[in-house]
C-alpha atoms as a PDB file:
ATOM      1  CA  UNK A   1     -68.591  88.627 -22.587  1.00  0.00           C
ATOM      2  CA  UNK A   2     -69.185  85.082 -23.912  1.00  0.00           C
ATOM      3  CA  UNK A   3     -66.849  83.730 -21.259  1.00  0.00           C
ATOM      4  CA  UNK A   4     -68.540  85.686 -18.475  1.00  0.00           C
ATOM      5  CA  UNK A   5     -72.075  84.131 -19.672  1.00  0.00           C
ATOM      6  CA  UNK A   6     -70.502  80.749 -19.750  1.00  0.00           C
ATOM      7  CA  UNK A   7     -69.192  81.161 -16.152  1.00  0.00           C
ATOM      8  CA  UNK A   8     -72.585  82.393 -14.822  1.00  0.00           C
ATOM      9  CA  UNK A   9     -74.367  79.352 -16.705  1.00  0.00           C
ATOM     10  CA  UNK A  10     -71.954  76.911 -14.961  1.00  0.00           C
ATOM     11  CA  UNK A  11     -72.264  78.609 -11.678  1.00  0.00           C
ATOM     12  CA  UNK A  12     -76.172  78.421 -11.772  1.00  0.00           C
ATOM     13  CA  UNK A  13     -76.267  74.925 -13.483  1.00  0.00           C
ATOM     14  CA  UNK A  14     -74.006  73.047 -11.255  1.00  0.00           C
ATOM     15  CA  UNK A  15     -75.989  73.270  -7.899  1.00  0.00           C
ATOM     16  CA  UNK A  16     -79.092  72.111  -9.781  1.00  0.00           C
ATOM     17  CA  UNK A  17     -77.267  69.272 -11.325  1.00  0.00           C
ATOM     18  CA  UNK A  18     -75.643  68.225  -7.985  1.00  0.00           C
ATOM     19  CA  UNK A  19     -79.170  68.302  -6.345  1.00  0.00           C
ATOM     20  CA  UNK A  20     -80.656  66.218  -9.087  1.00  0.00           C
ATOM     21  CA  UNK A  21     -77.731  63.820  -8.907  1.00  0.00           C
ATOM     22  CA  UNK A  22     -78.256  63.468  -5.225  1.00  0.00           C
ATOM     23  CA  UNK A  23     -81.877  62.775  -5.575  1.00  0.00           C
ATOM     24  CA  UNK A  24     -81.080  59.994  -8.106  1.00  0.00           C
ATOM     25  CA  UNK A  25     -79.070  58.245  -5.640  1.00  0.00           C
ATOM     26  CA  UNK A  26     -81.967  57.224  -3.532  1.00  0.00           C
ATOM     27  CA  UNK A  27     -83.317  53.740  -4.605  1.00  0.00           C
ATOM     28  CA  UNK A  28     -86.537  53.004  -6.209  1.00  0.00           C
ATOM     29  CA  UNK A  29     -87.968  51.026  -3.162  1.00  0.00           C
ATOM     30  CA  UNK A  30     -90.567  49.276  -5.068  1.00  0.00           C
ATOM     31  CA  UNK A  31     -88.127  47.629  -7.380  1.00  0.00           C
ATOM     32  CA  UNK A  32     -86.925  45.462  -4.301  1.00  0.00           C
ATOM     33  CA  UNK A  33     -90.382  44.446  -3.078  1.00  0.00           C
ATOM     34  CA  UNK A  34     -90.598  40.636  -3.218  1.00  0.00           C
ATOM     35  CA  UNK A  35     -94.226  40.475  -1.697  1.00  0.00           C
ATOM     36  CA  UNK A  36     -96.989  42.847  -1.897  1.00  0.00           C
ATOM     37  CA  UNK A  37    -100.429  41.991  -0.582  1.00  0.00           C
ATOM     38  CA  UNK A  38    -102.689  44.737  -1.784  1.00  0.00           C
ATOM     39  CA  UNK A  39    -106.059  43.226  -1.346  1.00  0.00           C
ATOM     40  CA  UNK A  40    -108.255  41.399   1.389  1.00  0.00           C
ATOM     41  CA  UNK A  41    -111.882  40.272   0.851  1.00  0.00           C
ATOM     42  CA  UNK A  42    -113.885  39.072   3.773  1.00  0.00           C
ATOM     43  CA  UNK A  43    -117.374  37.588   4.135  1.00  0.00           C
ATOM     44  CA  UNK A  44    -119.457  35.442   6.293  1.00  0.00           C
ATOM     45  CA  UNK A  45    -122.709  33.518   6.027  1.00  0.00           C
ATOM     46  CA  UNK A  46    -123.924  31.607   8.939  1.00  0.00           C
ATOM     47  CA  UNK A  47    -121.196  29.359  10.064  1.00  0.00           C
ATOM     48  CA  UNK A  48    -119.271  29.683   6.839  1.00  0.00           C
ATOM     49  CA  UNK A  49    -116.651  32.458   6.226  1.00  0.00           C
ATOM     50  CA  UNK A  50    -114.396  33.332   3.358  1.00  0.00           C
ATOM     51  CA  UNK A  51    -111.036  35.155   3.611  1.00  0.00           C
ATOM     52  CA  UNK A  52    -109.380  35.968   0.387  1.00  0.00           C
ATOM     53  CA  UNK A  53    -106.111  37.861  -0.663  1.00  0.00           C
ATOM     54  CA  UNK A  54    -104.472  39.105  -3.732  1.00  0.00           C
ATOM     55  CA  UNK A  55    -100.580  39.385  -3.710  1.00  0.00           C
ATOM     56  CA  UNK A  56     -97.790  39.819  -5.975  1.00  0.00           C
ATOM     57  CA  UNK A  57     -94.982  37.523  -4.857  1.00  0.00           C
ATOM     58  CA  UNK A  58     -91.666  36.336  -5.963  1.00  0.00           C
ATOM     59  CA  UNK A  59     -91.262  32.710  -7.173  1.00  0.00           C
ATOM     60  CA  UNK A  60     -89.585  30.893  -5.667  1.00  0.00           C
ATOM     61  CA  UNK A  61     -90.304  32.525  -2.296  1.00  0.00           C
ATOM     62  CA  UNK A  62     -87.251  32.920  -0.242  1.00  0.00           C
ATOM     63  CA  UNK A  63     -86.465  35.384   2.459  1.00  0.00           C
ATOM     64  CA  UNK A  64     -82.784  35.779   1.257  1.00  0.00           C
ATOM     65  CA  UNK A  65     -82.555  39.495   0.811  1.00  0.00           C
ATOM     66  CA  UNK A  66     -82.775  39.287  -2.992  1.00  0.00           C
ATOM     67  CA  UNK A  67     -86.206  40.236  -4.944  1.00  0.00           C
ATOM     68  CA  UNK A  68     -87.046  37.507  -7.458  1.00  0.00           C
ATOM     69  CA  UNK A  69     -89.333  37.512 -10.493  1.00  0.00           C
ATOM     70  CA  UNK A  70     -93.092  38.322  -9.192  1.00  0.00           C
ATOM     71  CA  UNK A  71     -96.211  36.422 -10.015  1.00  0.00           C
ATOM     72  CA  UNK A  72    -100.003  37.272  -9.133  1.00  0.00           C
ATOM     73  CA  UNK A  73    -101.551  34.982  -6.571  1.00  0.00           C
ATOM     74  CA  UNK A  74    -105.138  35.055  -5.326  1.00  0.00           C
ATOM     75  CA  UNK A  75    -105.489  32.914  -2.293  1.00  0.00           C
ATOM     76  CA  UNK A  76    -108.787  31.830  -0.825  1.00  0.00           C
ATOM     77  CA  UNK A  77    -109.388  30.381   2.688  1.00  0.00           C
ATOM     78  CA  UNK A  78    -112.906  28.800   3.660  1.00  0.00           C
ATOM     79  CA  UNK A  79    -113.903  28.124   7.233  1.00  0.00           C
ATOM     80  CA  UNK A  80    -116.762  25.672   7.370  1.00  0.00           C
ATOM     81  CA  UNK A  81    -118.808  23.806  10.156  1.00  0.00           C
ATOM     82  CA  UNK A  82    -118.136  20.309   8.804  1.00  0.00           C
ATOM     83  CA  UNK A  83    -114.519  19.386   8.061  1.00  0.00           C
ATOM     84  CA  UNK A  84    -115.197  15.918   7.059  1.00  0.00           C
ATOM     85  CA  UNK A  85    -116.110  17.086   3.570  1.00  0.00           C
ATOM     86  CA  UNK A  86    -114.144  18.416   0.636  1.00  0.00           C
ATOM     87  CA  UNK A  87    -115.256  21.670  -0.860  1.00  0.00           C
ATOM     88  CA  UNK A  88    -115.088  23.487  -4.335  1.00  0.00           C
ATOM     89  CA  UNK A  89    -115.634  27.191  -4.948  1.00  0.00           C
ATOM     90  CA  UNK A  90    -116.553  29.197  -7.949  1.00  0.00           C
ATOM     91  CA  UNK A  91    -116.198  33.008  -8.352  1.00  0.00           C
ATOM     92  CA  UNK A  92    -115.629  35.698 -10.822  1.00  0.00           C
ATOM     93  CA  UNK A  93    -112.835  38.325 -10.929  1.00  0.00           C
ATOM     94  CA  UNK A  94    -113.013  41.158 -13.473  1.00  0.00           C
ATOM     95  CA  UNK A  95    -115.880  39.334 -15.074  1.00  0.00           C
ATOM     96  CA  UNK A  96    -113.769  36.246 -15.594  1.00  0.00           C
ATOM     97  CA  UNK A  97    -115.037  32.825 -13.988  1.00  0.00           C
ATOM     98  CA  UNK A  98    -112.762  30.660 -11.990  1.00  0.00           C
ATOM     99  CA  UNK A  99    -113.284  27.500  -9.912  1.00  0.00           C
ATOM    100  CA  UNK A 100    -110.958  25.247  -7.702  1.00  0.00           C
ATOM    101  CA  UNK A 101    -111.163  22.409  -5.450  1.00  0.00           C
ATOM    102  CA  UNK A 102    -109.908  23.421  -1.770  1.00  0.00           C
ATOM    103  CA  UNK A 103    -107.156  21.626   0.073  1.00  0.00           C
ATOM    104  CA  UNK A 104    -107.833  20.763   3.866  1.00  0.00           C
ATOM    105  CA  UNK A 105    -105.353  22.198   6.351  1.00  0.00           C
ATOM    106  CA  UNK A 106    -105.678  20.038   9.377  1.00  0.00           C
ATOM    107  CA  UNK A 107    -103.559  22.302  11.628  1.00  0.00           C
ATOM    108  CA  UNK A 108    -105.684  25.462  11.147  1.00  0.00           C
ATOM    109  CA  UNK A 109    -108.833  23.476  10.369  1.00  0.00           C
ATOM    110  CA  UNK A 110    -109.459  25.512   7.163  1.00  0.00           C
ATOM    111  CA  UNK A 111    -110.036  24.854   3.393  1.00  0.00           C
ATOM    112  CA  UNK A 112    -107.841  26.746   1.028  1.00  0.00           C
ATOM    113  CA  UNK A 113    -106.642  27.182  -2.631  1.00  0.00           C
ATOM    114  CA  UNK A 114    -104.459  29.646  -4.682  1.00  0.00           C
ATOM    115  CA  UNK A 115    -104.648  30.726  -8.324  1.00  0.00           C
ATOM    116  CA  UNK A 116    -102.577  32.956 -10.512  1.00  0.00           C
ATOM    117  CA  UNK A 117    -104.939  35.645 -11.859  1.00  0.00           C
ATOM    118  CA  UNK A 118    -105.001  39.414 -12.112  1.00  0.00           C
ATOM    119  CA  UNK A 119    -105.749  41.865  -9.313  1.00  0.00           C
ATOM    120  CA  UNK A 120    -109.479  42.152  -8.550  1.00  0.00           C
ATOM    121  CA  UNK A 121    -110.837  45.522  -9.618  1.00  0.00           C
ATOM    122  CA  UNK A 122    -114.373  44.964  -8.106  1.00  0.00           C
ATOM    123  CA  UNK A 123    -115.330  45.807  -4.471  1.00  0.00           C
ATOM    124  CA  UNK A 124    -117.143  42.504  -3.969  1.00  0.00           C
ATOM    125  CA  UNK A 125    -116.715  38.937  -4.934  1.00  0.00           C
ATOM    126  CA  UNK A 126    -119.394  36.385  -4.591  1.00  0.00           C
ATOM    127  CA  UNK A 127    -118.186  32.814  -3.838  1.00  0.00           C
ATOM    128  CA  UNK A 128    -120.235  29.792  -4.501  1.00  0.00           C
ATOM    129  CA  UNK A 129    -119.506  26.987  -2.257  1.00  0.00           C
ATOM    130  CA  UNK A 130    -120.038  23.296  -3.221  1.00  0.00           C
ATOM    131  CA  UNK A 131    -119.678  19.875  -1.964  1.00  0.00           C
ATOM    132  CA  UNK A 132    -116.647  18.551  -4.028  1.00  0.00           C
ATOM    133  CA  UNK A 133    -118.359  15.138  -4.317  1.00  0.00           C
ATOM    134  CA  UNK A 134    -121.482  16.697  -5.440  1.00  0.00           C
ATOM    135  CA  UNK A 135    -120.774  19.724  -7.631  1.00  0.00           C
ATOM    136  CA  UNK A 136    -124.266  20.103  -8.832  1.00  0.00           C
ATOM    137  CA  UNK A 137    -125.520  20.910  -5.398  1.00  0.00           C
ATOM    138  CA  UNK A 138    -124.698  24.561  -4.310  1.00  0.00           C
ATOM    139  CA  UNK A 139    -124.316  24.715  -0.412  1.00  0.00           C
ATOM    140  CA  UNK A 140    -124.442  28.371  -0.222  1.00  0.00           C
ATOM    141  CA  UNK A 141    -123.157  31.674  -1.527  1.00  0.00           C
ATOM    142  CA  UNK A 142    -120.817  34.177   0.319  1.00  0.00           C
ATOM    143  CA  UNK A 143    -120.345  37.646  -0.573  1.00  0.00           C
ATOM    144  CA  UNK A 144    -116.740  38.831   0.408  1.00  0.00           C
ATOM    145  CA  UNK A 145    -116.241  42.594   0.550  1.00  0.00           C
ATOM    146  CA  UNK A 146    -112.793  44.361   0.209  1.00  0.00           C
ATOM    147  CA  UNK A 147    -111.548  45.809   3.428  1.00  0.00           C
ATOM    148  CA  UNK A 148    -109.014  48.243   1.575  1.00  0.00           C
ATOM    149  CA  UNK A 149    -110.120  51.844   2.399  1.00  0.00           C
ATOM    150  CA  UNK A 150    -110.109  54.338  -0.527  1.00  0.00           C
ATOM    151  CA  UNK A 151    -107.504  56.497   1.001  1.00  0.00           C
ATOM    152  CA  UNK A 152    -105.112  53.573   1.429  1.00  0.00           C
ATOM    153  CA  UNK A 153    -101.512  54.759   0.348  1.00  0.00           C
ATOM    154  CA  UNK A 154    -100.200  53.207  -2.873  1.00  0.00           C
ATOM    155  CA  UNK A 155     -96.969  51.140  -2.742  1.00  0.00           C
ATOM    156  CA  UNK A 156     -94.553  53.912  -3.961  1.00  0.00           C
ATOM    157  CA  UNK A 157     -95.918  56.555  -1.484  1.00  0.00           C
ATOM    158  CA  UNK A 158     -96.005  54.039   1.390  1.00  0.00           C
ATOM    159  CA  UNK A 159     -92.399  53.050   0.958  1.00  0.00           C
ATOM    160  CA  UNK A 160     -91.304  56.639   0.530  1.00  0.00           C
ATOM    161  CA  UNK A 161     -92.769  57.697   3.768  1.00  0.00           C
ATOM    162  CA  UNK A 162     -91.602  54.628   5.548  1.00  0.00           C
ATOM    163  CA  UNK A 163     -87.980  55.044   4.337  1.00  0.00           C
ATOM    164  CA  UNK A 164     -88.250  58.873   5.307  1.00  0.00           C
ATOM    165  CA  UNK A 165     -89.142  57.909   8.771  1.00  0.00           C
ATOM    166  CA  UNK A 166     -86.414  55.380   9.271  1.00  0.00           C
ATOM    167  CA  UNK A 167     -83.862  56.766   7.023  1.00  0.00           C
ATOM    168  CA  UNK A 168     -81.020  55.516   8.995  1.00  0.00           C
ATOM    169  CA  UNK A 169     -81.952  51.758   8.525  1.00  0.00           C
ATOM    170  CA  UNK A 170     -82.884  52.131   4.841  1.00  0.00           C
ATOM    171  CA  UNK A 171     -79.527  54.089   4.212  1.00  0.00           C
ATOM    172  CA  UNK A 172     -77.637  51.359   6.050  1.00  0.00           C
ATOM    173  CA  UNK A 173     -78.907  48.785   3.475  1.00  0.00           C
ATOM    174  CA  UNK A 174     -78.355  51.075   0.298  1.00  0.00           C
ATOM    175  CA  UNK A 175     -75.268  51.666  -1.718  1.00  0.00           C
ATOM    176  CA  UNK A 176     -76.244  54.593  -3.879  1.00  0.00           C
ATOM    177  CA  UNK A 177     -79.285  53.605  -5.998  1.00  0.00           C
ATOM    178  CA  UNK A 178     -78.863  49.937  -5.039  1.00  0.00           C
ATOM    179  CA  UNK A 179     -80.844  48.415  -1.913  1.00  0.00           C
ATOM    180  CA  UNK A 180     -78.965  45.425  -0.530  1.00  0.00           C
ATOM    181  CA  UNK A 181     -82.139  43.626   0.548  1.00  0.00           C
ATOM    182  CA  UNK A 182     -85.740  42.867  -0.327  1.00  0.00           C
ATOM    183  CA  UNK A 183     -88.936  44.291   1.079  1.00  0.00           C
ATOM    184  CA  UNK A 184     -92.220  42.526   2.102  1.00  0.00           C
ATOM    185  CA  UNK A 185     -95.501  44.601   2.261  1.00  0.00           C
ATOM    186  CA  UNK A 186     -98.686  43.186   3.362  1.00  0.00           C
ATOM    187  CA  UNK A 187    -102.098  44.837   3.795  1.00  0.00           C
ATOM    188  CA  UNK A 188    -103.690  44.184   7.339  1.00  0.00           C
ATOM    189  CA  UNK A 189    -107.155  44.873   8.606  1.00  0.00           C
ATOM    190  CA  UNK A 190    -108.027  45.109  12.361  1.00  0.00           C
ATOM    191  CA  UNK A 191    -111.258  46.238  13.724  1.00  0.00           C
ATOM    192  CA  UNK A 192    -112.120  47.924  10.394  1.00  0.00           C
ATOM    193  CA  UNK A 193    -108.814  49.725  10.346  1.00  0.00           C
ATOM    194  CA  UNK A 194    -106.100  49.250   7.559  1.00  0.00           C
ATOM    195  CA  UNK A 195    -102.530  48.944   8.334  1.00  0.00           C
ATOM    196  CA  UNK A 196     -99.456  47.639   6.535  1.00  0.00           C
ATOM    197  CA  UNK A 197     -96.791  45.193   7.751  1.00  0.00           C
ATOM    198  CA  UNK A 198     -93.538  46.257   6.016  1.00  0.00           C
ATOM    199  CA  UNK A 199     -90.387  43.921   6.431  1.00  0.00           C
ATOM    200  CA  UNK A 200     -86.892  44.609   5.390  1.00  0.00           C
ATOM    201  CA  UNK A 201     -84.905  41.508   4.762  1.00  0.00           C
ATOM    202  CA  UNK A 202     -81.037  41.887   4.390  1.00  0.00           C
ATOM    203  CA  UNK A 203     -78.830  39.380   2.553  1.00  0.00           C
ATOM    204  CA  UNK A 204     -78.080  37.573   5.891  1.00  0.00           C
ATOM    205  CA  UNK A 205     -81.843  37.068   6.462  1.00  0.00           C
ATOM    206  CA  UNK A 206     -82.299  39.344   9.302  1.00  0.00           C
ATOM    207  CA  UNK A 207     -85.478  41.102   9.240  1.00  0.00           C
ATOM    208  CA  UNK A 208     -86.639  44.550  10.606  1.00  0.00           C
ATOM    209  CA  UNK A 209     -90.349  44.827  10.740  1.00  0.00           C
ATOM    210  CA  UNK A 210     -92.717  47.861  10.867  1.00  0.00           C
ATOM    211  CA  UNK A 211     -96.304  48.248  11.595  1.00  0.00           C
ATOM    212  CA  UNK A 212     -97.575  51.241   9.504  1.00  0.00           C
ATOM    213  CA  UNK A 213    -100.811  53.353   9.353  1.00  0.00           C
ATOM    214  CA  UNK A 214    -102.078  52.583   5.871  1.00  0.00           C
ATOM    215  CA  UNK A 215    -103.448  56.108   5.277  1.00  0.00           C
ATOM    216  CA  UNK A 216    -100.614  58.173   6.501  1.00  0.00           C
ATOM    217  CA  UNK A 217     -97.471  56.004   6.340  1.00  0.00           C
ATOM    218  CA  UNK A 218     -96.657  56.770   9.974  1.00  0.00           C
ATOM    219  CA  UNK A 219     -94.697  54.028  11.746  1.00  0.00           C
ATOM    220  CA  UNK A 220     -96.719  52.761  14.645  1.00  0.00           C
ATOM    221  CA  UNK A 221     -94.445  49.940  15.766  1.00  0.00           C
ATOM    222  CA  UNK A 222     -90.986  48.570  14.996  1.00  0.00           C
ATOM    223  CA  UNK A 223     -89.364  45.147  15.748  1.00  0.00           C
END
């Protein structure tokens, strides 16, 4: 009788264990993300405009198929009518004040800076713009608003849906629970709509790119 019960237990449990084991052989895709841009803030005041992003990104930043140690980066780009001046900005993120002088990019004709700080939790950020040579004189304020929609997919769900749609490529770069590459994920905004760029980089540096609907995870284009 005991032997019969034991055999019944083994016959019932084994398929379940095999199923669980099969599931566990899928990599945790987010462990292999080496860049994740999750926020974009945009604002305009007259001829001045601000474009700010928050990302978690590996350092040093290398497209070598290996995800490295991540750091938080908040990047701000300012477009102005007068590029003969240098500028400074002040703003608050999560009730903590920050300020920085901006470096001029003569190729893109913009002024920019980057700071390591936590991901903003607010929907708006007010940027105070100053002439760097006269920081007592505020030129203007620009309110930049987050373009990320409330129903935008979180990272884990996004990657689960993309990997399910192109299972062949994700499986090709996987060995059991190990993913032999790194993943870039960048929030995009075009005409008020959210998208994600998702890039798979293998150890040889080859890249497979996807344009993904940010709300559904559906792949819209592949390159």
